[in-house]
Amino acid sequence: MASISLRKVVKRYGTGPKANQVIHGVDAEIADGEFIVIVGPSGCGKSTLLRMVAGLEEISGGEIAIGPRVVNQVEPADRDIAMVFQNYALYPHMSVFDNMAYGLKIKKVPVDEIKARVDKAAKILELSQLLDRKPRALSGGQRQRVAMGRAIVRNPQVFLFDEPLSNLDAKLRAQTRLEIQKLHRELGVTSLFVTHDQVEAMTLAQRMIVMNGGRMEQIGTPEEVYARPASTFVAGFIGSPPMNLLKGRAEGTMFHVGGISLPLPAAAPRDGELILGLRPEHLDHWNASQGWPLTVEMIEMLGAERLVYGRLGSELFTLRIDATHVPPTVGETLMLELSAKHLHWFDAQSTQRV
């Protein structure tokens, strides 16, 4: 096992003034044995960053180190990493055993050791009864476990996962997430996991890197990122439904937004143009006698909870309520009561946390 160091990592395509830079100086230190999830929307650079760690993309600037060794010029085969892709990439004519053993056979590992490694990985992944089957006889979840088994048998220093659950249905994704968590607890191998799915990021990560436009917006535990988002991008991306973000003008304990003035439970950090953030579930009461007037426009029933969509003046606002409560009606005006500890403030120009 080994740590991973990303030091001002840059990636650009092309040269000269027309070069397209897609990764902008990413800095991160990943501890030995840590499980890091890189999350962000499509095109944010997360897979490119992972492929640079793997050696599948050249580094345009900065350094990547695996353990004490800088690997900028090291071939992928010599980096001692194992990668699991979105596409299972199994050989259809080979059995599960042969698919998992193939990389070891190429390296001329002794037959007895190959069998021992494959049997151990199969036991961890509950594939022992499937070793004689061909991929066509497996479900999607089983095929993905075979792909993970192929990585495990190599005993790498680092696991790299590139959206490995994207081809699975919702139930299988949840089940495979649990298996990946169990796998990491048992093996303790340093892991980088790329996804665009914030649920995967929140449930799997020990720490998460939130990417946006080739830049690292924030790194921290899921709890830290959720409770103290570093920017409006993180606030809007992490959480479902996303945080309500209201751009307006603060004056002491009043916030002017959407053509109305809203009383604050405590003074804003400063007067002037600010963005106020509030998560849909962080309201003390939504049927109070006074507070913020929310005019209800639509209600969604989601089983254990309801989402109430409405407007504060002209601004859209989402409220999450327990389904056991009597729901409001469309057209009704609710009075929302909140506490200062749930308010998030961001600079209106930089969009960074105040």
Protein backbone atom coordinates (compact mmCIF):
# COMPACT_ATOMS: atom_id res chain seq x y z
CA MET A 1 0.00 0.00 0.00
CA ALA A 2 1.06 3.58 -0.51
CA SER A 3 0.02 7.20 -0.16
CA ILE A 4 -0.74 9.39 -3.20
CA SER A 5 0.47 12.97 -3.57
CA LEU A 6 -0.98 15.34 -6.17
CA ARG A 7 1.21 18.45 -6.37
CA LYS A 8 -0.07 21.31 -8.53
CA VAL A 9 -1.17 18.80 -11.19
CA VAL A 10 -2.02 20.36 -14.55
CA LYS A 11 -3.38 18.83 -17.74
CA ARG A 12 -3.68 20.63 -21.05
CA TYR A 13 -4.33 19.43 -24.56
CA GLY A 14 -2.38 21.10 -27.35
CA THR A 15 0.35 23.71 -27.11
CA GLY A 16 0.75 27.45 -27.39
CA PRO A 17 -2.07 30.00 -27.06
CA LYS A 18 -4.67 27.53 -28.34
CA ALA A 19 -3.91 24.92 -25.66
CA ASN A 20 -6.98 23.72 -23.78
CA GLN A 21 -6.26 23.39 -20.07
CA VAL A 22 -8.64 20.95 -18.37
CA ILE A 23 -6.95 20.43 -14.96
CA HIS A 24 -5.85 23.55 -13.09
CA GLY A 25 -3.22 22.88 -10.42
CA VAL A 26 -4.83 20.21 -8.24
CA ASP A 27 -3.16 19.73 -4.83
CA ALA A 28 -4.10 16.85 -2.53
CA GLU A 29 -2.42 14.45 -0.11
CA ILE A 30 -4.06 11.03 0.15
CA ALA A 31 -2.97 8.94 3.11
CA ASP A 32 -1.91 5.30 2.95
CA GLY A 33 -5.04 3.14 3.13
CA GLU A 34 -7.48 6.03 2.63
CA PHE A 35 -10.62 5.78 0.45
CA ILE A 36 -11.03 9.02 -1.52
CA VAL A 37 -13.97 9.75 -3.82
CA ILE A 38 -13.55 12.30 -6.62
CA VAL A 39 -17.00 13.67 -7.43
CA GLY A 40 -18.30 16.26 -9.85
CA PRO A 41 -20.50 16.80 -12.92
CA SER A 42 -19.66 15.49 -16.38
CA GLY A 43 -16.68 17.27 -17.92
CA CYS A 44 -15.23 18.53 -14.61
CA GLY A 45 -11.94 16.62 -15.05
CA LYS A 46 -12.38 13.87 -12.46
CA SER A 47 -11.74 10.93 -14.83
CA THR A 48 -8.83 12.80 -16.44
CA LEU A 49 -7.26 13.23 -13.01
CA LEU A 50 -7.70 9.53 -12.27
CA ARG A 51 -6.21 8.55 -15.64
CA MET A 52 -3.15 10.71 -14.90
CA VAL A 53 -2.64 8.83 -11.64
CA ALA A 54 -2.93 5.59 -13.63
CA GLY A 55 -0.48 6.83 -16.27
CA LEU A 56 -3.05 6.64 -19.08
CA GLU A 57 -2.83 10.42 -19.57
CA GLU A 58 0.41 12.42 -19.64
CA ILE A 59 0.89 15.10 -17.00
CA SER A 60 1.36 18.61 -18.40
CA GLY A 61 2.61 20.10 -15.14
CA GLY A 62 3.14 19.33 -11.48
CA GLU A 63 3.92 15.97 -9.89
CA ILE A 64 2.12 12.78 -8.97
CA ALA A 65 3.78 10.53 -6.39
CA ILE A 66 2.72 7.05 -5.32
CA GLY A 67 4.45 6.43 -2.03
CA PRO A 68 7.90 8.07 -2.12
CA ARG A 69 8.23 7.66 -5.90
CA VAL A 70 7.31 10.41 -8.41
CA VAL A 71 5.58 8.56 -11.26
CA ASN A 72 5.29 11.28 -13.93
CA GLN A 73 7.55 9.31 -16.30
CA VAL A 74 6.69 5.82 -15.05
CA GLU A 75 4.76 3.50 -17.38
CA PRO A 76 1.27 2.40 -16.20
CA ALA A 77 2.38 -1.23 -15.88
CA ASP A 78 5.16 -0.20 -13.49
CA ARG A 79 3.05 1.97 -11.15
CA ASP A 80 1.69 -0.97 -9.12
CA ILE A 81 -1.91 0.13 -9.48
CA ALA A 82 -5.06 -1.77 -10.43
CA MET A 83 -7.98 -0.11 -12.21
CA VAL A 84 -11.67 -1.00 -12.35
CA PHE A 85 -13.54 0.61 -15.24
CA GLN A 86 -17.19 1.44 -15.91
CA ASN A 87 -17.09 -1.21 -18.64
CA TYR A 88 -16.36 -4.62 -17.13
CA ALA A 89 -14.02 -5.51 -20.06
CA LEU A 90 -14.16 -9.25 -19.39
CA TYR A 91 -12.99 -11.80 -21.95
CA PRO A 92 -16.24 -13.48 -23.07
CA HIS A 93 -14.58 -16.79 -24.00
CA MET A 94 -12.83 -17.19 -20.64
CA SER A 95 -14.26 -18.47 -17.34
CA VAL A 96 -14.47 -16.26 -14.27
CA PHE A 97 -11.33 -17.94 -12.92
CA ASP A 98 -9.36 -17.32 -16.13
CA ASN A 99 -10.54 -13.70 -16.33
CA MET A 100 -9.32 -13.06 -12.80
CA ALA A 101 -6.08 -14.99 -13.33
CA TYR A 102 -5.14 -13.63 -16.75
CA GLY A 103 -2.99 -10.70 -15.59
CA LEU A 104 -1.05 -12.97 -13.23
CA LYS A 105 -0.45 -15.52 -16.01
CA ILE A 106 0.97 -12.77 -18.22
CA LYS A 107 3.38 -11.89 -15.39
CA LYS A 108 4.34 -15.60 -15.14
CA VAL A 109 3.24 -15.90 -11.51
CA PRO A 110 3.49 -19.56 -10.37
CA VAL A 111 0.30 -21.59 -10.93
CA ASP A 112 -0.16 -22.44 -7.24
CA GLU A 113 0.09 -18.78 -6.25
CA ILE A 114 -2.38 -17.78 -8.98
CA LYS A 115 -4.91 -20.29 -7.67
CA ALA A 116 -4.41 -19.13 -4.08
CA ARG A 117 -4.87 -15.47 -5.00
CA VAL A 118 -7.94 -16.09 -7.17
CA ASP A 119 -9.55 -18.32 -4.54
CA LYS A 120 -8.96 -15.68 -1.86
CA ALA A 121 -10.42 -12.86 -4.00
CA ALA A 122 -13.38 -15.06 -5.01
CA LYS A 123 -14.13 -15.78 -1.36
CA ILE A 124 -14.03 -12.06 -0.46
CA LEU A 125 -16.37 -11.22 -3.37
CA GLU A 126 -18.61 -14.29 -2.95
CA LEU A 127 -17.68 -15.60 -6.40
CA SER A 128 -16.40 -19.02 -5.33
CA GLN A 129 -19.41 -20.86 -6.81
CA LEU A 130 -19.11 -18.98 -10.12
CA LEU A 131 -15.46 -19.57 -11.07
CA ASP A 132 -16.32 -22.00 -13.89
CA ARG A 133 -18.95 -19.77 -15.51
CA LYS A 134 -18.48 -17.56 -18.57
CA PRO A 135 -19.36 -13.85 -18.31
CA ARG A 136 -22.54 -14.30 -20.38
CA ALA A 137 -23.94 -16.47 -17.55
CA LEU A 138 -23.45 -13.71 -14.96
CA SER A 139 -25.59 -10.77 -13.91
CA GLY A 140 -24.28 -7.21 -14.23
CA GLY A 141 -23.41 -7.07 -10.54
CA GLN A 142 -21.55 -10.37 -10.73
CA ARG A 143 -19.57 -9.20 -13.76
CA GLN A 144 -18.54 -6.06 -11.91
CA ARG A 145 -17.41 -8.19 -8.96
CA VAL A 146 -15.29 -10.26 -11.36
CA ALA A 147 -13.71 -7.04 -12.64
CA MET A 148 -12.95 -6.06 -9.04
CA GLY A 149 -11.57 -9.53 -8.38
CA ARG A 150 -9.23 -9.20 -11.33
CA ALA A 151 -7.86 -6.04 -9.68
CA ILE A 152 -7.64 -7.59 -6.19
CA VAL A 153 -5.52 -10.59 -7.23
CA ARG A 154 -2.73 -8.26 -8.32
CA ASN A 155 -2.18 -7.07 -4.72
CA PRO A 156 -1.61 -3.48 -5.90
CA GLN A 157 -0.52 -0.48 -3.87
CA VAL A 158 -3.47 1.55 -5.16
CA PHE A 159 -6.99 0.80 -6.47
CA LEU A 160 -8.46 3.18 -9.07
CA PHE A 161 -12.21 3.00 -9.72
CA ASP A 162 -13.57 4.89 -12.76
CA GLU A 163 -17.37 5.07 -12.30
CA PRO A 164 -17.60 1.27 -11.82
CA LEU A 165 -21.28 1.27 -10.81
CA SER A 166 -22.70 3.35 -13.66
CA ASN A 167 -23.93 0.33 -15.65
CA LEU A 168 -25.84 -1.18 -12.73
CA ASP A 169 -29.48 -0.60 -11.77
CA ALA A 170 -30.33 1.25 -8.55
CA LYS A 171 -30.70 -1.85 -6.35
CA LEU A 172 -27.45 -3.40 -7.59
CA ARG A 173 -25.61 -0.10 -7.16
CA ALA A 174 -26.62 0.05 -3.50
CA GLN A 175 -25.60 -3.57 -2.97
CA THR A 176 -22.25 -3.11 -4.76
CA ARG A 177 -21.50 0.01 -2.71
CA LEU A 178 -21.77 -2.10 0.42
CA GLU A 179 -19.46 -4.70 -1.12
CA ILE A 180 -16.87 -2.05 -2.00
CA GLN A 181 -17.00 -0.69 1.58
CA LYS A 182 -16.52 -4.21 2.94
CA LEU A 183 -13.69 -4.82 0.47
CA HIS A 184 -11.85 -1.70 1.61
CA ARG A 185 -12.24 -2.61 5.28
CA GLU A 186 -10.75 -6.06 4.61
CA LEU A 187 -7.91 -5.04 2.28
CA GLY A 188 -7.15 -1.49 3.46
CA VAL A 189 -5.68 -0.54 0.06
CA THR A 190 -5.42 3.16 -0.86
CA SER A 191 -8.33 3.83 -3.23
CA LEU A 192 -9.43 6.58 -5.60
CA PHE A 193 -13.04 6.30 -6.73
CA VAL A 194 -14.50 8.57 -9.44
CA THR A 195 -18.24 9.20 -9.70
CA HIS A 196 -20.74 11.86 -10.71
CA ASP A 197 -23.25 10.42 -8.21
CA GLN A 198 -23.23 12.34 -4.93
CA VAL A 199 -24.97 9.46 -3.12
CA GLU A 200 -22.04 7.18 -4.00
CA ALA A 201 -19.64 9.89 -2.90
CA MET A 202 -21.34 10.51 0.45
CA THR A 203 -21.74 6.81 1.31
CA LEU A 204 -18.32 5.53 0.20
CA ALA A 205 -15.84 8.31 0.93
CA GLN A 206 -13.65 8.69 3.95
CA ARG A 207 -12.83 12.02 2.32
CA MET A 208 -14.12 13.45 -0.93
CA ILE A 209 -12.70 15.80 -3.55
CA VAL A 210 -15.35 17.95 -5.24
CA MET A 211 -14.26 18.97 -8.75
CA ASN A 212 -15.64 21.79 -10.88
CA GLY A 213 -14.24 22.95 -14.20
CA GLY A 214 -10.92 21.18 -13.65
CA ARG A 215 -10.43 22.74 -10.23
CA MET A 216 -10.68 21.23 -6.78
CA GLU A 217 -13.48 23.13 -5.06
CA GLN A 218 -13.21 21.36 -1.71
CA ILE A 219 -11.67 18.33 -0.02
CA GLY A 220 -12.99 16.94 3.25
CA THR A 221 -15.07 14.27 4.90
CA PRO A 222 -18.66 13.90 3.63
CA GLU A 223 -19.86 15.46 6.89
CA GLU A 224 -17.55 18.48 6.50
CA VAL A 225 -18.50 19.05 2.86
CA TYR A 226 -22.21 18.77 3.62
CA ALA A 227 -22.17 20.90 6.76
CA ARG A 228 -19.72 23.59 5.58
CA PRO A 229 -19.63 23.79 1.77
CA ALA A 230 -16.72 25.93 0.60
CA SER A 231 -18.62 27.53 -2.30
CA THR A 232 -22.05 27.85 -3.84
CA PHE A 233 -21.06 25.18 -6.36
CA VAL A 234 -20.43 22.63 -3.60
CA ALA A 235 -23.55 23.76 -1.74
CA GLY A 236 -25.67 23.24 -4.85
CA PHE A 237 -24.03 19.99 -5.96
CA ILE A 238 -23.89 18.07 -2.68
CA GLY A 239 -27.29 17.34 -1.19
CA SER A 240 -30.55 16.19 -2.74
CA PRO A 241 -32.50 18.32 -3.24
CA PRO A 242 -29.74 20.94 -3.39
CA MET A 243 -29.30 23.77 -0.94
CA ASN A 244 -31.53 26.81 -1.48
CA LEU A 245 -29.31 29.70 -2.60
CA LEU A 246 -30.79 33.19 -2.38
CA LYS A 247 -28.85 36.15 -3.81
CA GLY A 248 -29.77 39.41 -2.12
CA ARG A 249 -28.67 42.30 0.08
CA ALA A 250 -28.02 42.00 3.80
CA GLU A 251 -28.64 44.83 6.29
CA GLY A 252 -28.04 43.69 9.84
CA THR A 253 -30.83 41.28 10.72
CA MET A 254 -32.73 41.79 7.45
CA PHE A 255 -32.13 40.17 4.08
CA HIS A 256 -33.67 41.74 1.01
CA VAL A 257 -34.33 39.22 -1.78
CA GLY A 258 -36.91 38.62 -4.51
CA GLY A 259 -38.70 41.89 -3.83
CA ILE A 260 -39.33 41.15 -0.12
CA SER A 261 -37.44 41.60 3.14
CA LEU A 262 -36.79 38.53 5.28
CA PRO A 263 -35.98 38.74 9.02
CA LEU A 264 -32.83 36.87 10.07
CA PRO A 265 -32.41 35.02 13.39
CA ALA A 266 -28.97 36.68 13.70
CA ALA A 267 -27.17 39.47 11.89
CA ALA A 268 -25.48 38.59 8.58
CA PRO A 269 -21.65 38.40 8.70
CA ARG A 270 -21.54 41.72 6.85
CA ASP A 271 -23.83 44.12 5.06
CA GLY A 272 -24.09 44.26 1.28
CA GLU A 273 -24.54 41.77 -1.56
CA LEU A 274 -24.43 38.20 -0.30
CA ILE A 275 -25.77 34.76 -1.14
CA LEU A 276 -27.68 33.04 1.64
CA GLY A 277 -27.83 29.25 1.68
CA LEU A 278 -30.32 27.07 3.54
CA ARG A 279 -30.87 23.34 3.12
CA PRO A 280 -34.49 22.23 2.51
CA GLU A 281 -34.54 20.13 5.69
CA HIS A 282 -33.04 22.79 7.98
CA LEU A 283 -36.16 24.63 9.04
CA ASP A 284 -37.25 24.55 12.67
CA HIS A 285 -40.94 25.06 11.79
CA TRP A 286 -42.79 25.51 8.51
CA ASN A 287 -46.18 26.38 9.99
CA ALA A 288 -45.04 29.07 12.40
CA SER A 289 -47.02 32.21 13.22
CA GLN A 290 -44.28 34.43 11.81
CA GLY A 291 -41.13 34.12 9.69
CA TRP A 292 -40.47 33.82 5.97
CA PRO A 293 -43.63 33.73 3.80
CA LEU A 294 -43.44 30.81 1.34
CA THR A 295 -46.21 30.58 -1.27
CA VAL A 296 -46.66 26.90 -2.20
CA GLU A 297 -46.62 26.08 -5.93
CA MET A 298 -46.13 22.29 -6.04
CA ILE A 299 -45.77 19.29 -3.70
CA GLU A 300 -43.97 16.00 -4.46
CA MET A 301 -44.67 12.84 -2.45
CA LEU A 302 -41.48 10.77 -2.02
CA GLY A 303 -42.55 8.06 0.39
CA ALA A 304 -41.16 9.00 3.81
CA GLU A 305 -40.94 12.70 2.94
CA ARG A 306 -42.50 15.41 0.83
CA LEU A 307 -40.81 18.18 -1.12
CA VAL A 308 -42.68 21.47 -1.12
CA TYR A 309 -41.77 23.90 -3.91
CA GLY A 310 -42.72 27.53 -3.58
CA ARG A 311 -41.56 31.13 -3.78
CA LEU A 312 -40.17 33.67 -1.36
CA GLY A 313 -41.21 36.77 -3.23
CA SER A 314 -39.97 36.00 -6.75
CA GLU A 315 -37.29 33.49 -5.63
CA LEU A 316 -37.78 29.72 -5.87
CA PHE A 317 -37.41 27.82 -2.60
CA THR A 318 -37.63 24.12 -1.67
CA LEU A 319 -38.79 22.76 1.67
CA ARG A 320 -38.49 19.13 2.81
CA ILE A 321 -41.09 17.89 5.32
CA ASP A 322 -41.86 14.54 6.92
CA ALA A 323 -44.64 12.63 5.13
CA THR A 324 -46.37 11.99 8.46
CA HIS A 325 -47.26 15.69 8.69
CA VAL A 326 -50.45 17.00 7.15
CA PRO A 327 -49.21 18.56 3.90
CA PRO A 328 -49.87 22.17 2.91
CA THR A 329 -52.04 22.94 -0.10
CA VAL A 330 -51.03 24.58 -3.37
CA GLY A 331 -51.54 28.33 -3.10
CA GLU A 332 -51.19 28.35 0.70
CA THR A 333 -48.66 30.68 2.31
CA LEU A 334 -46.46 29.03 4.94
CA MET A 335 -44.46 30.90 7.54
CA LEU A 336 -40.95 29.41 7.80
CA GLU A 337 -39.02 29.66 11.06
CA LEU A 338 -35.28 28.95 11.10
CA SER A 339 -32.23 29.20 13.35
CA ALA A 340 -28.92 30.97 12.71
CA LYS A 341 -26.86 27.75 12.96
CA HIS A 342 -28.36 26.51 9.68
CA LEU A 343 -27.59 29.61 7.60
CA HIS A 344 -24.69 29.56 5.13
CA TRP A 345 -23.27 32.79 3.71
CA PHE A 346 -21.33 33.17 0.46
CA ASP A 347 -19.70 36.12 -1.29
CA ALA A 348 -21.86 37.28 -4.19
CA GLN A 349 -18.89 37.82 -6.54
CA SER A 350 -16.45 35.00 -5.71
CA THR A 351 -19.22 32.56 -4.58
CA GLN A 352 -16.82 31.41 -1.82
CA ARG A 353 -17.95 30.82 1.75
CA VAL A 354 -17.89 33.91 3.96
